[in-house]
Amino acid sequence: MVDVRAATQAYNALGQVTNGAGGGGLDRAAQDPATSFSELVTRAISDTASAVKQSEKGTVDVVTGKAEVADVVTAVNNAELALDTVVAVRDKIISAYQEILRMPI
């Protein structure tokens, strides 16, 4: 049987990623029923990629003396957190899919 609690936690984690990155997240999905789960996942991945690029740019800026180390550490930490969350959501989705495959017909 699919673990509903785990699926809900994954969905909420995905919302935190999209809300934290300014994507609108689950609040927008609740207001707009046309927003699909795949759009939420796509937005989360896009926001995570953006956070990673921003942290990479910050690292280059520190080397060239254009940025403060503390700002870059914060950006790298945010990118790592977003990436960890997306990976956790992916793992929960794969786990739920595997459970569905094991269900008797």
N, C-alpha and C. Protein backbone atom coordinates (compact mmCIF):
# COMPACT_ATOMS: atom_id res chain seq x y z
N MET A 1 0.84 -1.18 0.00
CA MET A 1 0.00 0.00 0.00
C MET A 1 0.88 1.24 0.00
N VAL A 2 0.46 2.27 -0.69
CA VAL A 2 1.21 3.52 -0.78
C VAL A 2 1.14 4.24 0.57
N ASP A 3 2.27 4.69 1.04
CA ASP A 3 2.35 5.41 2.30
C ASP A 3 1.86 6.84 2.07
N VAL A 4 0.62 7.10 2.45
CA VAL A 4 0.00 8.41 2.21
C VAL A 4 0.73 9.49 2.99
N ARG A 5 1.16 9.17 4.19
CA ARG A 5 1.87 10.16 5.00
C ARG A 5 3.18 10.56 4.33
N ALA A 6 3.90 9.58 3.78
CA ALA A 6 5.17 9.88 3.10
C ALA A 6 4.92 10.72 1.85
N ALA A 7 3.86 10.39 1.11
CA ALA A 7 3.54 11.17 -0.09
C ALA A 7 3.17 12.60 0.28
N THR A 8 2.43 12.77 1.38
CA THR A 8 2.07 14.11 1.83
C THR A 8 3.30 14.89 2.26
N GLN A 9 4.22 14.22 2.96
CA GLN A 9 5.46 14.89 3.37
C GLN A 9 6.27 15.31 2.15
N ALA A 10 6.33 14.45 1.14
CA ALA A 10 7.07 14.79 -0.08
C ALA A 10 6.43 15.98 -0.78
N TYR A 11 5.11 15.98 -0.83
CA TYR A 11 4.39 17.08 -1.48
C TYR A 11 4.63 18.39 -0.73
N ASN A 12 4.60 18.33 0.61
CA ASN A 12 4.86 19.52 1.42
C ASN A 12 6.30 19.99 1.27
N ALA A 13 7.25 19.04 1.20
CA ALA A 13 8.65 19.42 1.01
C ALA A 13 8.83 20.10 -0.33
N LEU A 14 8.15 19.61 -1.34
CA LEU A 14 8.22 20.24 -2.64
C LEU A 14 7.67 21.66 -2.57
N GLY A 15 6.61 21.85 -1.83
CA GLY A 15 6.05 23.19 -1.66
C GLY A 15 7.01 24.13 -0.96
N GLN A 16 7.77 23.61 0.02
CA GLN A 16 8.74 24.45 0.71
C GLN A 16 9.84 24.88 -0.25
N VAL A 17 10.25 23.99 -1.14
CA VAL A 17 11.29 24.36 -2.11
C VAL A 17 10.77 25.45 -3.02
N THR A 18 9.58 25.27 -3.56
CA THR A 18 9.06 26.25 -4.51
C THR A 18 8.69 27.55 -3.81
N ASN A 19 8.19 27.48 -2.58
CA ASN A 19 7.87 28.71 -1.85
C ASN A 19 9.13 29.43 -1.44
N GLY A 20 10.15 28.70 -1.00
CA GLY A 20 11.40 29.32 -0.56
C GLY A 20 12.14 29.99 -1.70
N ALA A 21 11.96 29.50 -2.92
CA ALA A 21 12.67 30.07 -4.05
C ALA A 21 11.83 31.11 -4.78
N GLY A 22 10.67 31.45 -4.23
CA GLY A 22 9.85 32.48 -4.83
C GLY A 22 8.98 32.00 -5.98
N GLY A 23 8.78 30.69 -6.07
CA GLY A 23 8.04 30.15 -7.19
C GLY A 23 6.54 30.12 -7.00
N GLY A 24 6.04 30.44 -5.82
CA GLY A 24 4.60 30.43 -5.61
C GLY A 24 4.14 29.15 -4.96
N GLY A 25 4.70 28.04 -5.35
CA GLY A 25 4.51 26.76 -4.70
C GLY A 25 3.09 26.28 -4.57
N LEU A 26 2.81 25.65 -3.44
CA LEU A 26 1.54 25.00 -3.22
C LEU A 26 0.41 26.00 -3.04
N ASP A 27 0.72 27.20 -2.55
CA ASP A 27 -0.33 28.21 -2.42
C ASP A 27 -0.92 28.53 -3.79
N ARG A 28 -0.07 28.66 -4.77
CA ARG A 28 -0.55 28.93 -6.12
C ARG A 28 -1.32 27.73 -6.66
N ALA A 29 -0.85 26.52 -6.35
CA ALA A 29 -1.52 25.31 -6.82
C ALA A 29 -2.91 25.20 -6.20
N ALA A 30 -3.05 25.61 -4.94
CA ALA A 30 -4.36 25.56 -4.29
C ALA A 30 -5.32 26.57 -4.92
N GLN A 31 -4.80 27.70 -5.36
CA GLN A 31 -5.64 28.71 -5.98
C GLN A 31 -5.96 28.37 -7.43
N ASP A 32 -5.03 27.71 -8.10
CA ASP A 32 -5.19 27.38 -9.51
C ASP A 32 -5.19 25.87 -9.68
N PRO A 33 -6.38 25.26 -9.74
CA PRO A 33 -6.44 23.80 -9.83
C PRO A 33 -5.84 23.25 -11.13
N ALA A 34 -5.62 24.11 -12.12
CA ALA A 34 -5.04 23.65 -13.37
C ALA A 34 -3.55 23.35 -13.23
N THR A 35 -2.93 23.84 -12.16
CA THR A 35 -1.52 23.57 -11.94
C THR A 35 -1.36 22.09 -11.59
N SER A 36 -0.56 21.41 -12.38
CA SER A 36 -0.40 19.97 -12.16
C SER A 36 0.83 19.69 -11.31
N PHE A 37 0.89 18.48 -10.83
CA PHE A 37 2.03 18.07 -10.01
C PHE A 37 3.32 18.15 -10.82
N SER A 38 3.24 17.79 -12.09
CA SER A 38 4.45 17.85 -12.92
C SER A 38 4.96 19.28 -13.06
N GLU A 39 4.06 20.26 -13.10
CA GLU A 39 4.49 21.66 -13.15
C GLU A 39 5.18 22.06 -11.85
N LEU A 40 4.68 21.57 -10.72
CA LEU A 40 5.32 21.85 -9.44
C LEU A 40 6.72 21.25 -9.38
N VAL A 41 6.85 20.02 -9.87
CA VAL A 41 8.15 19.37 -9.87
C VAL A 41 9.10 20.12 -10.80
N THR A 42 8.61 20.49 -11.98
CA THR A 42 9.44 21.23 -12.93
C THR A 42 9.90 22.55 -12.34
N ARG A 43 9.01 23.25 -11.66
CA ARG A 43 9.35 24.53 -11.04
C ARG A 43 10.38 24.34 -9.93
N ALA A 44 10.22 23.28 -9.14
CA ALA A 44 11.17 23.01 -8.06
C ALA A 44 12.56 22.72 -8.60
N ILE A 45 12.62 21.94 -9.66
CA ILE A 45 13.91 21.62 -10.27
C ILE A 45 14.54 22.88 -10.86
N SER A 46 13.73 23.69 -11.51
CA SER A 46 14.23 24.93 -12.09
C SER A 46 14.75 25.87 -11.01
N ASP A 47 14.02 26.01 -9.93
CA ASP A 47 14.44 26.88 -8.83
C ASP A 47 15.71 26.36 -8.17
N THR A 48 15.83 25.04 -8.06
CA THR A 48 17.04 24.46 -7.49
C THR A 48 18.24 24.71 -8.39
N ALA A 49 18.06 24.53 -9.68
CA ALA A 49 19.15 24.80 -10.63
C ALA A 49 19.56 26.27 -10.56
N SER A 50 18.60 27.15 -10.42
CA SER A 50 18.89 28.57 -10.30
C SER A 50 19.69 28.87 -9.03
N ALA A 51 19.32 28.23 -7.93
CA ALA A 51 20.04 28.43 -6.67
C ALA A 51 21.48 27.92 -6.78
N VAL A 52 21.67 26.79 -7.46
CA VAL A 52 23.01 26.25 -7.64
C VAL A 52 23.85 27.20 -8.50
N LYS A 53 23.27 27.71 -9.58
CA LYS A 53 23.99 28.65 -10.44
C LYS A 53 24.36 29.92 -9.67
N GLN A 54 23.45 30.40 -8.84
CA GLN A 54 23.72 31.60 -8.05
C GLN A 54 24.87 31.36 -7.07
N SER A 55 24.90 30.18 -6.46
CA SER A 55 25.99 29.89 -5.53
C SER A 55 27.32 29.75 -6.27
N GLU A 56 27.28 29.18 -7.48
CA GLU A 56 28.51 29.08 -8.28
C GLU A 56 29.02 30.47 -8.67
N LYS A 57 28.10 31.35 -9.05
CA LYS A 57 28.48 32.71 -9.41
C LYS A 57 29.08 33.43 -8.19
N GLY A 58 28.48 33.21 -7.03
CA GLY A 58 28.98 33.82 -5.80
C GLY A 58 30.38 33.33 -5.47
N THR A 59 30.64 32.05 -5.71
CA THR A 59 31.97 31.50 -5.46
C THR A 59 33.01 32.18 -6.35
N VAL A 60 32.67 32.37 -7.61
CA VAL A 60 33.58 33.06 -8.53
C VAL A 60 33.77 34.51 -8.08
N ASP A 61 32.70 35.14 -7.62
CA ASP A 61 32.79 36.53 -7.16
C ASP A 61 33.70 36.66 -5.93
N VAL A 62 33.70 35.66 -5.04
CA VAL A 62 34.58 35.71 -3.87
C VAL A 62 36.03 35.63 -4.31
N VAL A 63 36.29 34.75 -5.27
CA VAL A 63 37.66 34.59 -5.75
C VAL A 63 38.17 35.89 -6.38
N THR A 64 37.30 36.59 -7.08
CA THR A 64 37.70 37.84 -7.73
C THR A 64 37.58 39.05 -6.80
N GLY A 65 37.08 38.83 -5.57
CA GLY A 65 36.99 39.92 -4.60
C GLY A 65 35.74 40.77 -4.73
N LYS A 66 34.72 40.29 -5.43
CA LYS A 66 33.50 41.07 -5.64
C LYS A 66 32.39 40.75 -4.65
N ALA A 67 32.59 39.74 -3.81
CA ALA A 67 31.52 39.33 -2.88
C ALA A 67 32.12 38.95 -1.53
N GLU A 68 31.27 38.98 -0.51
CA GLU A 68 31.67 38.59 0.84
C GLU A 68 31.53 37.07 0.98
N VAL A 69 32.42 36.50 1.75
CA VAL A 69 32.42 35.05 1.96
C VAL A 69 31.12 34.61 2.64
N ALA A 70 30.64 35.38 3.60
CA ALA A 70 29.42 35.00 4.33
C ALA A 70 28.21 34.91 3.39
N ASP A 71 28.13 35.82 2.44
CA ASP A 71 27.02 35.77 1.48
C ASP A 71 27.09 34.52 0.61
N VAL A 72 28.29 34.15 0.22
CA VAL A 72 28.46 32.97 -0.62
C VAL A 72 28.17 31.70 0.17
N VAL A 73 28.60 31.65 1.42
CA VAL A 73 28.31 30.49 2.26
C VAL A 73 26.81 30.32 2.42
N THR A 74 26.10 31.42 2.61
CA THR A 74 24.64 31.36 2.71
C THR A 74 24.01 30.86 1.41
N ALA A 75 24.49 31.37 0.28
CA ALA A 75 23.96 30.94 -1.01
C ALA A 75 24.24 29.46 -1.27
N VAL A 76 25.42 29.00 -0.93
CA VAL A 76 25.76 27.58 -1.12
C VAL A 76 24.91 26.72 -0.20
N ASN A 77 24.70 27.17 1.03
CA ASN A 77 23.87 26.41 1.97
C ASN A 77 22.44 26.32 1.47
N ASN A 78 21.89 27.42 0.94
CA ASN A 78 20.53 27.41 0.40
C ASN A 78 20.43 26.47 -0.80
N ALA A 79 21.44 26.49 -1.66
CA ALA A 79 21.42 25.61 -2.83
C ALA A 79 21.49 24.15 -2.40
N GLU A 80 22.32 23.86 -1.42
CA GLU A 80 22.44 22.49 -0.92
C GLU A 80 21.13 22.01 -0.30
N LEU A 81 20.50 22.87 0.48
CA LEU A 81 19.22 22.52 1.10
C LEU A 81 18.15 22.26 0.04
N ALA A 82 18.08 23.12 -0.98
CA ALA A 82 17.11 22.93 -2.05
C ALA A 82 17.37 21.64 -2.81
N LEU A 83 18.62 21.35 -3.09
CA LEU A 83 18.96 20.13 -3.81
C LEU A 83 18.63 18.89 -2.97
N ASP A 84 18.95 18.93 -1.69
CA ASP A 84 18.62 17.81 -0.81
C ASP A 84 17.12 17.56 -0.75
N THR A 85 16.35 18.64 -0.72
CA THR A 85 14.89 18.50 -0.67
C THR A 85 14.35 17.90 -1.95
N VAL A 86 14.84 18.35 -3.09
CA VAL A 86 14.39 17.81 -4.38
C VAL A 86 14.76 16.33 -4.49
N VAL A 87 15.94 15.98 -4.04
CA VAL A 87 16.36 14.57 -4.08
C VAL A 87 15.48 13.73 -3.16
N ALA A 88 15.14 14.25 -1.98
CA ALA A 88 14.26 13.53 -1.06
C ALA A 88 12.88 13.32 -1.67
N VAL A 89 12.37 14.35 -2.34
CA VAL A 89 11.06 14.23 -3.00
C VAL A 89 11.14 13.19 -4.10
N ARG A 90 12.22 13.24 -4.89
CA ARG A 90 12.39 12.26 -5.97
C ARG A 90 12.41 10.84 -5.39
N ASP A 91 13.12 10.64 -4.30
CA ASP A 91 13.20 9.32 -3.69
C ASP A 91 11.83 8.85 -3.21
N LYS A 92 11.04 9.76 -2.63
CA LYS A 92 9.69 9.39 -2.18
C LYS A 92 8.79 9.04 -3.36
N ILE A 93 8.91 9.77 -4.45
CA ILE A 93 8.11 9.48 -5.64
C ILE A 93 8.47 8.11 -6.20
N ILE A 94 9.76 7.82 -6.28
CA ILE A 94 10.20 6.52 -6.79
C ILE A 94 9.73 5.40 -5.87
N SER A 95 9.82 5.63 -4.57
CA SER A 95 9.36 4.63 -3.61
C SER A 95 7.86 4.37 -3.76
N ALA A 96 7.07 5.43 -3.91
CA ALA A 96 5.63 5.28 -4.09
C ALA A 96 5.32 4.55 -5.39
N TYR A 97 6.05 4.86 -6.45
CA TYR A 97 5.86 4.19 -7.74
C TYR A 97 6.17 2.70 -7.62
N GLN A 98 7.25 2.36 -6.92
CA GLN A 98 7.60 0.96 -6.74
C GLN A 98 6.54 0.22 -5.93
N GLU A 99 5.97 0.88 -4.94
CA GLU A 99 4.89 0.26 -4.17
C GLU A 99 3.66 0.02 -5.05
N ILE A 100 3.36 0.95 -5.92
CA ILE A 100 2.23 0.78 -6.83
C ILE A 100 2.48 -0.41 -7.74
N LEU A 101 3.71 -0.57 -8.22
CA LEU A 101 4.03 -1.70 -9.09
C LEU A 101 3.87 -3.03 -8.37
N ARG A 102 4.10 -3.06 -7.06
CA ARG A 102 3.97 -4.30 -6.29
C ARG A 102 2.53 -4.63 -5.93
N MET A 103 1.60 -3.74 -6.17
CA MET A 103 0.20 -3.98 -5.80
C MET A 103 -0.40 -5.07 -6.69
N PRO A 104 -1.17 -5.95 -6.08
CA PRO A 104 -1.84 -6.97 -6.90
C PRO A 104 -2.98 -6.34 -7.71
N ILE A 105 -3.16 -6.88 -8.89
CA ILE A 105 -4.21 -6.34 -9.76
C ILE A 105 -5.52 -7.01 -9.51
